[in-house]
Amino acid sequence: MPRTRDNDKREMNVSAPALRTTMGASQTKHNAKHGKRTPIVIATALIAAVLAVGGALMSGGGGGSGRTVPVSPIPGVTDDVLQTLEAYRGKVVILDFWATWCGPCRMEIPDFIALQNKYRDQGLEVVGISIDPIAPRGNPGGAPAVAPFIKANGINYTILMVNNTTALKGFDVSQGIPTTYVVDRSGKIVRTYIGVRPRSVFENDINQLL
């Protein structure tokens, strides 16, 4: 996937050396009956089908793809982030790589919640990829820290965890987190941000792509 990158060094992010060290240490630790139908019955069935299709198209919002991706209140697990993104084809996606212990990452979360609330009906999906399982810190650390964090912070968008570094293929987080990708409706990465960015930056990208 082609990507663009904004490497503004003035922005806050968790340093890459510290991230690599933690990830390396973690990897060492864990590897119907048939009957006669009258024309009226058939017509009624056709009308119902048309209404159902119309309702499905509208459920994605005015600017959506016609397909609603459910958001779970508990974190899921992905073995392949790139493949997981296929479920969001037709949506504009903010893909955020983060961790519960990352201060700069936590700073962005209220903005992502607000953006999800404001633009989801128009076709936006915010997806957070937690690296806690492969870079645990704190007590509790790792995967057990994620679900309580989601609840405590009222996160309203999809959170997925990765259990190994191979799940990150196609995405570079070696310069630190948060690393955030903006993905268009066709699945193409159009922006890459390393470090914290204000809500206005993402909102500008969203309005250009929706």
N, C-alpha and C. Protein backbone atom coordinates (compact mmCIF):
# COMPACT_ATOMS: atom_id res chain seq x y z
N MET A 1 0.81 -1.19 0.00
CA MET A 1 0.00 0.00 0.00
C MET A 1 0.86 1.26 0.00
N PRO A 2 0.55 2.15 -0.84
CA PRO A 2 1.32 3.41 -0.81
C PRO A 2 0.94 4.20 0.40
N ARG A 3 1.88 4.98 0.92
CA ARG A 3 1.52 5.81 2.06
C ARG A 3 2.29 7.13 2.00
N THR A 4 1.67 8.11 2.61
CA THR A 4 2.36 9.37 2.78
C THR A 4 2.68 9.51 4.24
N ARG A 5 3.62 10.34 4.57
CA ARG A 5 4.03 10.43 5.97
C ARG A 5 4.33 11.84 6.37
N ASP A 6 3.83 12.17 7.57
CA ASP A 6 4.10 13.47 8.15
C ASP A 6 5.00 13.22 9.34
N ASN A 7 6.23 13.63 9.27
CA ASN A 7 7.20 13.31 10.32
C ASN A 7 7.54 14.52 11.18
N ASP A 8 6.56 15.29 11.53
CA ASP A 8 6.79 16.47 12.36
C ASP A 8 7.36 16.04 13.70
N LYS A 9 8.62 16.27 13.92
CA LYS A 9 9.29 15.80 15.13
C LYS A 9 8.85 16.55 16.38
N ARG A 10 8.12 17.64 16.17
CA ARG A 10 7.69 18.38 17.35
C ARG A 10 6.52 17.71 18.04
N GLU A 11 5.82 16.78 17.36
CA GLU A 11 4.67 16.14 17.94
C GLU A 11 5.12 15.09 18.95
N MET A 12 4.21 14.84 19.94
CA MET A 12 4.53 13.91 20.99
C MET A 12 4.27 12.49 20.53
N ASN A 13 5.16 11.56 20.87
CA ASN A 13 4.93 10.15 20.63
C ASN A 13 5.85 9.34 21.53
N VAL A 14 5.47 8.10 21.78
CA VAL A 14 6.31 7.21 22.56
C VAL A 14 7.47 6.79 21.68
N SER A 15 8.69 6.90 22.19
CA SER A 15 9.88 6.69 21.37
C SER A 15 9.96 5.27 20.85
N ALA A 16 10.51 5.14 19.66
CA ALA A 16 10.65 3.84 19.01
C ALA A 16 11.59 2.91 19.76
N PRO A 17 12.76 3.37 20.25
CA PRO A 17 13.65 2.44 20.96
C PRO A 17 12.98 1.80 22.16
N ALA A 18 12.24 2.60 22.94
CA ALA A 18 11.55 2.05 24.11
C ALA A 18 10.50 1.06 23.68
N LEU A 19 9.79 1.37 22.62
CA LEU A 19 8.75 0.48 22.11
C LEU A 19 9.35 -0.83 21.64
N ARG A 20 10.44 -0.77 20.87
CA ARG A 20 11.07 -1.98 20.37
C ARG A 20 11.56 -2.86 21.51
N THR A 21 12.15 -2.23 22.55
CA THR A 21 12.67 -2.99 23.67
C THR A 21 11.56 -3.75 24.37
N THR A 22 10.44 -3.07 24.62
CA THR A 22 9.33 -3.69 25.32
C THR A 22 8.73 -4.80 24.50
N MET A 23 8.57 -4.58 23.19
CA MET A 23 7.98 -5.59 22.32
C MET A 23 8.88 -6.82 22.25
N GLY A 24 10.18 -6.60 22.21
CA GLY A 24 11.10 -7.72 22.15
C GLY A 24 11.04 -8.55 23.41
N ALA A 25 10.97 -7.89 24.55
CA ALA A 25 10.89 -8.60 25.82
C ALA A 25 9.62 -9.41 25.90
N SER A 26 8.54 -8.85 25.42
CA SER A 26 7.25 -9.55 25.46
C SER A 26 7.27 -10.77 24.57
N GLN A 27 7.90 -10.68 23.39
CA GLN A 27 7.94 -11.81 22.47
C GLN A 27 8.71 -12.96 23.08
N THR A 28 9.69 -12.68 23.89
CA THR A 28 10.45 -13.74 24.53
C THR A 28 9.59 -14.48 25.54
N LYS A 29 8.65 -13.79 26.18
CA LYS A 29 7.83 -14.35 27.25
C LYS A 29 6.69 -15.24 26.73
N HIS A 30 6.25 -15.09 25.55
CA HIS A 30 5.11 -15.91 25.11
C HIS A 30 4.97 -16.18 23.60
N ASN A 31 5.26 -16.92 23.53
CA ASN A 31 5.16 -17.29 22.13
C ASN A 31 3.60 -17.49 21.81
N ALA A 32 -39.26 -24.92 4.57
CA ALA A 32 -40.64 -24.38 4.53
C ALA A 32 -41.51 -25.16 3.67
N LYS A 33 -42.61 -25.27 4.05
CA LYS A 33 -43.54 -26.02 3.27
C LYS A 33 -43.82 -25.30 1.98
N HIS A 34 -44.15 -26.10 0.86
CA HIS A 34 -44.48 -25.50 -0.43
C HIS A 34 -45.99 -25.48 -0.59
N GLY A 35 -46.63 -24.39 -0.92
CA GLY A 35 -48.07 -24.26 -1.12
C GLY A 35 -48.34 -23.28 -2.23
N LYS A 36 -49.64 -23.12 -2.56
CA LYS A 36 -50.03 -22.20 -3.62
C LYS A 36 -49.84 -20.77 -3.16
N ARG A 37 -49.35 -19.94 -4.05
CA ARG A 37 -49.16 -18.54 -3.72
C ARG A 37 -50.02 -17.70 -4.64
N THR A 38 -50.78 -16.80 -4.09
CA THR A 38 -51.60 -15.91 -4.89
C THR A 38 -50.77 -14.72 -5.30
N PRO A 39 -51.15 -13.99 -6.35
CA PRO A 39 -50.42 -12.78 -6.76
C PRO A 39 -50.27 -11.78 -5.65
N ILE A 40 -51.28 -11.72 -4.75
CA ILE A 40 -51.21 -10.74 -3.65
C ILE A 40 -50.07 -11.09 -2.71
N VAL A 41 -49.92 -12.39 -2.41
CA VAL A 41 -48.85 -12.82 -1.51
C VAL A 41 -47.49 -12.52 -2.12
N ILE A 42 -47.35 -12.80 -3.43
CA ILE A 42 -46.08 -12.54 -4.11
C ILE A 42 -45.76 -11.05 -4.12
N ALA A 43 -46.76 -10.24 -4.41
CA ALA A 43 -46.55 -8.79 -4.43
C ALA A 43 -46.14 -8.28 -3.06
N THR A 44 -46.78 -8.82 -2.01
CA THR A 44 -46.43 -8.41 -0.65
C THR A 44 -44.99 -8.76 -0.32
N ALA A 45 -44.57 -9.96 -0.75
CA ALA A 45 -43.19 -10.39 -0.49
C ALA A 45 -42.20 -9.49 -1.22
N LEU A 46 -42.50 -9.10 -2.44
CA LEU A 46 -41.62 -8.24 -3.21
C LEU A 46 -41.49 -6.88 -2.56
N ILE A 47 -42.60 -6.34 -2.09
CA ILE A 47 -42.58 -5.04 -1.41
C ILE A 47 -41.72 -5.12 -0.16
N ALA A 48 -41.89 -6.20 0.61
CA ALA A 48 -41.11 -6.36 1.84
C ALA A 48 -39.63 -6.43 1.53
N ALA A 49 -39.28 -7.15 0.45
CA ALA A 49 -37.86 -7.26 0.08
C ALA A 49 -37.29 -5.92 -0.30
N VAL A 50 -38.04 -5.12 -1.06
CA VAL A 50 -37.57 -3.79 -1.46
C VAL A 50 -37.35 -2.92 -0.25
N LEU A 51 -38.29 -2.98 0.70
CA LEU A 51 -38.16 -2.17 1.92
C LEU A 51 -36.94 -2.61 2.74
N ALA A 52 -36.72 -3.92 2.78
CA ALA A 52 -35.57 -4.42 3.55
C ALA A 52 -34.27 -3.95 2.94
N VAL A 53 -34.14 -4.02 1.62
CA VAL A 53 -32.93 -3.55 0.95
C VAL A 53 -32.72 -2.07 1.17
N GLY A 54 -33.80 -1.31 1.05
CA GLY A 54 -33.70 0.13 1.27
C GLY A 54 -33.26 0.47 2.66
N GLY A 55 -33.82 -0.28 3.65
CA GLY A 55 -33.42 -0.04 5.03
C GLY A 55 -31.96 -0.36 5.27
N ALA A 56 -31.49 -1.44 4.63
CA ALA A 56 -30.07 -1.80 4.79
C ALA A 56 -29.17 -0.74 4.20
N LEU A 57 -29.56 -0.18 3.05
CA LEU A 57 -28.74 0.85 2.43
C LEU A 57 -28.70 2.10 3.29
N MET A 58 -29.81 2.42 3.92
CA MET A 58 -29.85 3.64 4.73
C MET A 58 -29.14 3.46 6.05
N SER A 59 -28.99 2.21 6.53
CA SER A 59 -28.40 2.00 7.84
C SER A 59 -26.95 2.42 7.91
N GLY A 60 -26.29 2.49 6.76
CA GLY A 60 -24.89 2.89 6.75
C GLY A 60 -24.71 4.39 6.80
N GLY A 61 -25.82 5.13 6.78
CA GLY A 61 -25.73 6.59 6.81
C GLY A 61 -25.73 7.15 5.42
N GLY A 62 -25.96 8.45 5.29
CA GLY A 62 -26.06 9.10 3.99
C GLY A 62 -24.82 8.95 3.15
N GLY A 63 -23.63 8.92 3.77
CA GLY A 63 -22.41 8.82 2.98
C GLY A 63 -21.73 7.49 3.14
N GLY A 64 -22.41 6.49 3.78
CA GLY A 64 -21.78 5.21 4.05
C GLY A 64 -21.82 4.28 2.87
N SER A 65 -21.33 3.08 3.07
CA SER A 65 -21.23 2.10 2.01
C SER A 65 -22.48 1.24 1.93
N GLY A 66 -23.46 1.44 2.86
CA GLY A 66 -24.62 0.59 2.89
C GLY A 66 -24.41 -0.62 3.78
N ARG A 67 -23.29 -0.71 4.49
CA ARG A 67 -22.99 -1.86 5.35
C ARG A 67 -22.51 -1.33 6.69
N THR A 68 -23.23 -1.71 7.74
CA THR A 68 -22.86 -1.26 9.07
C THR A 68 -21.94 -2.27 9.73
N VAL A 69 -20.80 -1.84 10.19
CA VAL A 69 -19.87 -2.72 10.90
C VAL A 69 -20.15 -2.58 12.39
N PRO A 70 -20.55 -3.67 13.05
CA PRO A 70 -20.89 -3.58 14.47
C PRO A 70 -19.67 -3.25 15.32
N VAL A 71 -19.91 -2.48 16.38
CA VAL A 71 -18.84 -2.12 17.31
C VAL A 71 -19.06 -2.88 18.61
N SER A 72 -18.06 -3.65 19.02
CA SER A 72 -18.16 -4.43 20.24
C SER A 72 -17.64 -3.63 21.43
N PRO A 73 -18.30 -3.75 22.59
CA PRO A 73 -17.81 -3.04 23.78
C PRO A 73 -16.60 -3.70 24.41
N ILE A 74 -16.22 -4.87 23.91
CA ILE A 74 -15.03 -5.55 24.41
C ILE A 74 -14.02 -5.67 23.28
N PRO A 75 -12.73 -5.71 23.60
CA PRO A 75 -11.73 -5.77 22.53
C PRO A 75 -11.71 -7.12 21.83
N GLY A 76 -11.47 -7.09 20.52
CA GLY A 76 -11.29 -8.31 19.77
C GLY A 76 -9.81 -8.55 19.54
N VAL A 77 -9.51 -9.58 18.77
CA VAL A 77 -8.12 -9.91 18.45
C VAL A 77 -8.02 -10.07 16.94
N THR A 78 -6.96 -9.53 16.35
CA THR A 78 -6.71 -9.73 14.93
C THR A 78 -5.33 -10.33 14.73
N ASP A 79 -5.25 -11.28 13.82
CA ASP A 79 -3.96 -11.88 13.46
C ASP A 79 -3.37 -11.21 12.23
N ASP A 80 -4.16 -10.32 11.60
CA ASP A 80 -3.72 -9.67 10.37
C ASP A 80 -4.51 -8.36 10.22
N VAL A 81 -3.90 -7.26 10.61
CA VAL A 81 -4.59 -5.97 10.56
C VAL A 81 -5.00 -5.62 9.14
N LEU A 82 -4.12 -5.89 8.21
CA LEU A 82 -4.39 -5.56 6.81
C LEU A 82 -5.63 -6.30 6.31
N GLN A 83 -5.73 -7.57 6.65
CA GLN A 83 -6.89 -8.36 6.24
C GLN A 83 -8.16 -7.88 6.94
N THR A 84 -8.04 -7.51 8.20
CA THR A 84 -9.19 -7.02 8.96
C THR A 84 -9.79 -5.77 8.32
N LEU A 85 -8.93 -4.95 7.74
CA LEU A 85 -9.41 -3.72 7.09
C LEU A 85 -10.36 -3.99 5.93
N GLU A 86 -10.31 -5.18 5.35
CA GLU A 86 -11.20 -5.50 4.24
C GLU A 86 -12.67 -5.38 4.64
N ALA A 87 -12.97 -5.63 5.91
CA ALA A 87 -14.35 -5.53 6.40
C ALA A 87 -14.85 -4.09 6.37
N TYR A 88 -13.92 -3.14 6.27
CA TYR A 88 -14.28 -1.72 6.29
C TYR A 88 -14.19 -1.08 4.91
N ARG A 89 -14.03 -1.90 3.87
CA ARG A 89 -13.97 -1.36 2.51
C ARG A 89 -15.27 -0.62 2.21
N GLY A 90 -15.15 0.59 1.68
CA GLY A 90 -16.31 1.45 1.45
C GLY A 90 -16.50 2.48 2.55
N LYS A 91 -15.72 2.34 3.64
CA LYS A 91 -15.73 3.31 4.73
C LYS A 91 -14.44 4.12 4.72
N VAL A 92 -14.49 5.30 5.30
CA VAL A 92 -13.28 6.05 5.61
C VAL A 92 -12.85 5.58 7.01
N VAL A 93 -11.59 5.20 7.15
CA VAL A 93 -11.14 4.61 8.41
C VAL A 93 -9.99 5.43 9.01
N ILE A 94 -10.10 5.70 10.29
CA ILE A 94 -8.97 6.21 11.07
C ILE A 94 -8.44 5.00 11.83
N LEU A 95 -7.24 4.56 11.48
CA LEU A 95 -6.64 3.37 12.06
C LEU A 95 -5.52 3.79 13.00
N ASP A 96 -5.77 3.62 14.28
CA ASP A 96 -4.86 4.15 15.30
C ASP A 96 -4.15 3.01 16.04
N PHE A 97 -2.82 3.01 15.97
CA PHE A 97 -2.01 2.05 16.73
C PHE A 97 -1.63 2.69 18.05
N TRP A 98 -1.97 2.03 19.16
CA TRP A 98 -1.88 2.68 20.47
C TRP A 98 -1.66 1.62 21.56
N ALA A 99 -1.54 2.11 22.80
CA ALA A 99 -1.48 1.22 23.96
C ALA A 99 -2.06 1.96 25.16
N THR A 100 -2.56 1.21 26.13
CA THR A 100 -3.19 1.82 27.30
C THR A 100 -2.21 2.64 28.13
N TRP A 101 -0.93 2.23 28.11
CA TRP A 101 0.07 2.91 28.92
C TRP A 101 0.71 4.11 28.23
N CYS A 102 0.33 4.36 27.00
CA CYS A 102 0.92 5.44 26.19
C CYS A 102 0.19 6.76 26.44
N GLY A 103 0.86 7.68 27.12
CA GLY A 103 0.24 8.97 27.43
C GLY A 103 -0.25 9.74 26.22
N PRO A 104 0.58 9.92 25.20
CA PRO A 104 0.13 10.63 24.01
C PRO A 104 -1.05 9.94 23.33
N CYS A 105 -1.06 8.61 23.35
CA CYS A 105 -2.19 7.88 22.77
C CYS A 105 -3.48 8.22 23.51
N ARG A 106 -3.39 8.27 24.83
CA ARG A 106 -4.58 8.56 25.64
C ARG A 106 -5.10 9.96 25.37
N MET A 107 -4.21 10.87 25.03
CA MET A 107 -4.63 12.25 24.75
C MET A 107 -5.56 12.33 23.54
N GLU A 108 -5.37 11.43 22.57
CA GLU A 108 -6.15 11.48 21.34
C GLU A 108 -7.52 10.82 21.46
N ILE A 109 -7.70 9.95 22.43
CA ILE A 109 -8.91 9.15 22.50
C ILE A 109 -10.20 9.97 22.59
N PRO A 110 -10.29 11.02 23.41
CA PRO A 110 -11.54 11.80 23.42
C PRO A 110 -11.89 12.38 22.05
N ASP A 111 -10.87 12.76 21.28
CA ASP A 111 -11.14 13.29 19.93
C ASP A 111 -11.65 12.18 19.01
N PHE A 112 -11.10 10.99 19.12
CA PHE A 112 -11.57 9.88 18.28
C PHE A 112 -13.01 9.51 18.64
N ILE A 113 -13.35 9.57 19.93
CA ILE A 113 -14.73 9.32 20.36
C ILE A 113 -15.67 10.35 19.75
N ALA A 114 -15.26 11.61 19.78
CA ALA A 114 -16.09 12.68 19.22
C ALA A 114 -16.25 12.54 17.70
N LEU A 115 -15.17 12.18 17.02
CA LEU A 115 -15.24 12.01 15.56
C LEU A 115 -16.13 10.82 15.19
N GLN A 116 -16.04 9.74 15.95
CA GLN A 116 -16.89 8.58 15.69
C GLN A 116 -18.37 8.96 15.86
N ASN A 117 -18.67 9.70 16.90
CA ASN A 117 -20.05 10.15 17.13
C ASN A 117 -20.55 11.04 16.01
N LYS A 118 -19.71 11.93 15.54
CA LYS A 118 -20.12 12.94 14.57
C LYS A 118 -20.23 12.41 13.15
N TYR A 119 -19.33 11.52 12.76
CA TYR A 119 -19.23 11.15 11.35
C TYR A 119 -19.56 9.69 11.03
N ARG A 120 -19.84 8.87 12.02
CA ARG A 120 -20.06 7.45 11.71
C ARG A 120 -21.25 7.24 10.76
N ASP A 121 -22.32 7.99 10.95
CA ASP A 121 -23.49 7.85 10.08
C ASP A 121 -23.20 8.29 8.65
N GLN A 122 -22.07 8.99 8.47
CA GLN A 122 -21.70 9.43 7.12
C GLN A 122 -20.67 8.49 6.48
N GLY A 123 -20.24 7.50 7.23
CA GLY A 123 -19.32 6.51 6.64
C GLY A 123 -17.94 6.45 7.26
N LEU A 124 -17.75 7.01 8.45
CA LEU A 124 -16.46 6.94 9.13
C LEU A 124 -16.45 5.78 10.12
N GLU A 125 -15.30 5.12 10.22
CA GLU A 125 -15.08 4.14 11.28
C GLU A 125 -13.71 4.40 11.89
N VAL A 126 -13.68 4.57 13.19
CA VAL A 126 -12.42 4.65 13.91
C VAL A 126 -12.10 3.24 14.42
N VAL A 127 -10.88 2.80 14.19
CA VAL A 127 -10.46 1.47 14.64
C VAL A 127 -9.14 1.63 15.39
N GLY A 128 -9.12 1.18 16.63
CA GLY A 128 -7.90 1.25 17.42
C GLY A 128 -7.24 -0.12 17.49
N ILE A 129 -5.94 -0.16 17.20
CA ILE A 129 -5.18 -1.41 17.28
C ILE A 129 -4.28 -1.35 18.51
N SER A 130 -4.64 -2.10 19.53
CA SER A 130 -3.87 -2.09 20.77
C SER A 130 -2.69 -3.04 20.68
N ILE A 131 -1.50 -2.52 20.99
CA ILE A 131 -0.31 -3.37 21.02
C ILE A 131 0.02 -3.82 22.43
N ASP A 132 -0.91 -3.61 23.37
CA ASP A 132 -0.66 -4.01 24.76
C ASP A 132 -0.21 -5.46 24.91
N PRO A 133 -0.82 -6.42 24.20
CA PRO A 133 -0.38 -7.81 24.41
C PRO A 133 1.07 -8.08 24.03
N ILE A 134 1.62 -7.32 23.07
CA ILE A 134 3.00 -7.56 22.66
C ILE A 134 3.97 -6.55 23.27
N ALA A 135 3.42 -5.56 23.97
CA ALA A 135 4.27 -4.58 24.64
C ALA A 135 3.64 -4.20 25.98
N PRO A 136 3.56 -5.18 26.89
CA PRO A 136 2.86 -4.93 28.16
C PRO A 136 3.65 -4.06 29.12
N ARG A 137 2.90 -3.21 29.80
CA ARG A 137 3.49 -2.39 30.87
C ARG A 137 2.44 -2.21 31.95
N GLY A 138 2.87 -2.00 33.16
CA GLY A 138 1.95 -1.75 34.26
C GLY A 138 1.40 -3.02 34.86
N ASN A 139 0.51 -2.85 35.85
CA ASN A 139 -0.10 -3.97 36.55
C ASN A 139 -1.56 -3.66 36.83
N PRO A 140 -2.53 -4.27 36.15
CA PRO A 140 -2.26 -5.31 35.16
C PRO A 140 -1.73 -4.72 33.86
N GLY A 141 -0.95 -5.50 33.17
CA GLY A 141 -0.43 -5.08 31.88
C GLY A 141 -0.85 -6.05 30.81
N GLY A 142 -0.55 -5.74 29.57
CA GLY A 142 -0.89 -6.62 28.47
C GLY A 142 -2.38 -6.62 28.16
N ALA A 143 -2.87 -7.72 27.61
CA ALA A 143 -4.26 -7.84 27.18
C ALA A 143 -5.27 -7.57 28.30
N PRO A 144 -5.03 -8.01 29.55
CA PRO A 144 -6.02 -7.77 30.61
C PRO A 144 -6.28 -6.30 30.90
N ALA A 145 -5.38 -5.43 30.48
CA ALA A 145 -5.56 -4.00 30.75
C ALA A 145 -6.52 -3.33 29.78
N VAL A 146 -6.78 -3.96 28.64
CA VAL A 146 -7.49 -3.26 27.56
C VAL A 146 -8.98 -3.10 27.81
N ALA A 147 -9.68 -4.19 28.15
CA ALA A 147 -11.13 -4.11 28.36
C ALA A 147 -11.53 -3.11 29.45
N PRO A 148 -10.87 -3.13 30.63
CA PRO A 148 -11.21 -2.13 31.64
C PRO A 148 -10.95 -0.70 31.17
N PHE A 149 -9.91 -0.53 30.37
CA PHE A 149 -9.59 0.80 29.84
C PHE A 149 -10.69 1.29 28.90
N ILE A 150 -11.19 0.41 28.04
CA ILE A 150 -12.26 0.77 27.12
C ILE A 150 -13.49 1.24 27.89
N LYS A 151 -13.86 0.48 28.92
CA LYS A 151 -15.04 0.81 29.72
C LYS A 151 -14.85 2.12 30.48
N ALA A 152 -13.69 2.27 31.10
CA ALA A 152 -13.43 3.46 31.91
C ALA A 152 -13.42 4.74 31.08
N ASN A 153 -13.02 4.64 29.82
CA ASN A 153 -12.89 5.82 28.98
C ASN A 153 -14.05 6.00 28.00
N GLY A 154 -15.05 5.13 28.07
CA GLY A 154 -16.24 5.26 27.23
C GLY A 154 -15.92 5.19 25.74
N ILE A 155 -14.98 4.33 25.36
CA ILE A 155 -14.60 4.23 23.94
C ILE A 155 -15.74 3.61 23.14
N ASN A 156 -16.14 4.30 22.08
CA ASN A 156 -17.31 3.92 21.28
C ASN A 156 -16.94 3.38 19.90
N TYR A 157 -15.69 3.06 19.70
CA TYR A 157 -15.25 2.54 18.41
C TYR A 157 -14.54 1.20 18.60
N THR A 158 -14.31 0.51 17.51
CA THR A 158 -13.73 -0.84 17.56
C THR A 158 -12.29 -0.82 18.07
N ILE A 159 -12.02 -1.70 19.03
CA ILE A 159 -10.66 -1.90 19.52
C ILE A 159 -10.27 -3.35 19.25
N LEU A 160 -9.15 -3.54 18.58
CA LEU A 160 -8.62 -4.87 18.32
C LEU A 160 -7.21 -4.97 18.89
N MET A 161 -6.87 -6.13 19.41
CA MET A 161 -5.54 -6.36 19.95
C MET A 161 -4.74 -7.25 19.01
N VAL A 162 -3.43 -7.08 19.04
CA VAL A 162 -2.55 -7.97 18.28
C VAL A 162 -1.70 -8.78 19.26
N ASN A 163 -1.60 -10.07 19.00
CA ASN A 163 -0.85 -10.96 19.88
C ASN A 163 0.54 -11.28 19.39
N ASN A 164 0.87 -10.81 18.17
CA ASN A 164 2.21 -11.03 17.65
C ASN A 164 2.53 -9.95 16.63
N THR A 165 3.80 -9.74 16.40
CA THR A 165 4.22 -8.66 15.52
C THR A 165 3.88 -8.93 14.06
N THR A 166 3.69 -10.18 13.68
CA THR A 166 3.35 -10.47 12.29
C THR A 166 1.97 -9.91 11.92
N ALA A 167 1.12 -9.70 12.90
CA ALA A 167 -0.20 -9.12 12.65
C ALA A 167 -0.10 -7.69 12.15
N LEU A 168 1.06 -7.06 12.37
CA LEU A 168 1.24 -5.66 11.99
C LEU A 168 1.78 -5.50 10.57
N LYS A 169 1.99 -6.59 9.85
CA LYS A 169 2.61 -6.49 8.53
C LYS A 169 1.83 -5.51 7.64
N GLY A 170 2.59 -4.67 6.94
CA GLY A 170 1.98 -3.65 6.10
C GLY A 170 1.87 -2.31 6.79
N PHE A 171 2.14 -2.29 8.10
CA PHE A 171 2.06 -1.04 8.86
C PHE A 171 3.33 -0.87 9.69
N ASP A 172 3.84 0.35 9.71
CA ASP A 172 5.10 0.64 10.39
C ASP A 172 4.84 1.42 11.68
N VAL A 173 5.13 0.80 12.81
CA VAL A 173 5.02 1.51 14.09
C VAL A 173 6.39 1.64 14.74
N SER A 174 7.43 1.46 13.94
CA SER A 174 8.79 1.46 14.48
C SER A 174 9.25 2.83 14.96
N GLN A 175 8.56 3.89 14.53
CA GLN A 175 8.94 5.23 14.97
C GLN A 175 8.20 5.66 16.23
N GLY A 176 7.39 4.77 16.78
CA GLY A 176 6.69 5.06 18.02
C GLY A 176 5.18 5.10 17.85
N ILE A 177 4.50 5.21 18.98
CA ILE A 177 3.04 5.34 18.99
C ILE A 177 2.65 6.60 19.76
N PRO A 178 1.49 7.18 19.43
CA PRO A 178 0.53 6.69 18.45
C PRO A 178 1.03 6.87 17.01
N THR A 179 0.74 5.88 16.19
CA THR A 179 0.88 6.00 14.75
C THR A 179 -0.51 5.80 14.16
N THR A 180 -0.96 6.76 13.39
CA THR A 180 -2.34 6.75 12.91
C THR A 180 -2.37 6.86 11.39
N TYR A 181 -3.11 5.96 10.78
CA TYR A 181 -3.29 5.95 9.33
C TYR A 181 -4.72 6.38 8.99
N VAL A 182 -4.86 7.21 7.96
CA VAL A 182 -6.17 7.56 7.43
C VAL A 182 -6.34 6.80 6.13
N VAL A 183 -7.41 6.02 6.03
CA VAL A 183 -7.63 5.12 4.90
C VAL A 183 -8.90 5.55 4.17
N ASP A 184 -8.84 5.65 2.84
CA ASP A 184 -10.02 6.07 2.09
C ASP A 184 -10.96 4.90 1.83
N ARG A 185 -12.07 5.17 1.12
CA ARG A 185 -13.11 4.16 0.92
C ARG A 185 -12.62 2.96 0.11
N SER A 186 -11.60 3.16 -0.70
CA SER A 186 -11.08 2.06 -1.52
C SER A 186 -10.04 1.22 -0.78
N GLY A 187 -9.70 1.61 0.45
CA GLY A 187 -8.72 0.88 1.23
C GLY A 187 -7.31 1.41 1.09
N LYS A 188 -7.15 2.56 0.45
CA LYS A 188 -5.82 3.14 0.24
C LYS A 188 -5.46 4.07 1.40
N ILE A 189 -4.23 3.93 1.88
CA ILE A 189 -3.73 4.83 2.92
C ILE A 189 -3.42 6.18 2.29
N VAL A 190 -4.03 7.23 2.81
CA VAL A 190 -3.83 8.57 2.25
C VAL A 190 -3.08 9.49 3.20
N ARG A 191 -3.02 9.15 4.47
CA ARG A 191 -2.27 9.95 5.44
C ARG A 191 -1.65 9.02 6.48
N THR A 192 -0.46 9.40 6.95
CA THR A 192 0.16 8.72 8.07
C THR A 192 0.64 9.77 9.06
N TYR A 193 0.24 9.62 10.30
CA TYR A 193 0.64 10.58 11.34
C TYR A 193 1.36 9.84 12.46
N ILE A 194 2.54 10.32 12.82
CA ILE A 194 3.30 9.76 13.93
C ILE A 194 3.28 10.78 15.05
N GLY A 195 2.70 10.39 16.18
CA GLY A 195 2.53 11.33 17.28
C GLY A 195 1.14 11.92 17.31
N VAL A 196 0.88 12.69 18.36
CA VAL A 196 -0.44 13.28 18.58
C VAL A 196 -0.74 14.35 17.54
N ARG A 197 -1.98 14.35 17.07
CA ARG A 197 -2.47 15.40 16.19
C ARG A 197 -3.79 15.93 16.75
N PRO A 198 -4.08 17.20 16.55
CA PRO A 198 -5.34 17.75 17.03
C PRO A 198 -6.52 17.20 16.22
N ARG A 199 -7.71 17.28 16.81
CA ARG A 199 -8.91 16.79 16.13
C ARG A 199 -9.10 17.44 14.77
N SER A 200 -8.75 18.72 14.65
CA SER A 200 -8.97 19.45 13.40
C SER A 200 -8.23 18.82 12.22
N VAL A 201 -7.07 18.22 12.49
CA VAL A 201 -6.30 17.58 11.41
C VAL A 201 -7.08 16.39 10.85
N PHE A 202 -7.57 15.54 11.74
CA PHE A 202 -8.33 14.37 11.29
C PHE A 202 -9.66 14.80 10.67
N GLU A 203 -10.28 15.82 11.23
CA GLU A 203 -11.57 16.28 10.71
C GLU A 203 -11.42 16.82 9.29
N ASN A 204 -10.33 17.49 9.03
CA ASN A 204 -10.06 17.99 7.69
C ASN A 204 -9.91 16.82 6.71
N ASP A 205 -9.18 15.79 7.11
CA ASP A 205 -9.02 14.60 6.27
C ASP A 205 -10.36 13.92 6.02
N ILE A 206 -11.14 13.77 7.08
CA ILE A 206 -12.44 13.10 6.98
C ILE A 206 -13.35 13.83 5.99
N ASN A 207 -13.42 15.14 6.11
CA ASN A 207 -14.31 15.93 5.24
C ASN A 207 -13.88 15.87 3.78
N GLN A 208 -12.62 15.67 3.54
CA GLN A 208 -12.15 15.53 2.15
C GLN A 208 -12.50 14.17 1.56
N LEU A 209 -12.63 13.16 2.43
CA LEU A 209 -12.80 11.79 1.94
C LEU A 209 -14.25 11.28 1.98
N LEU A 210 -15.07 11.83 2.85
CA LEU A 210 -16.46 11.36 2.93
C LEU A 210 -17.26 11.79 1.73
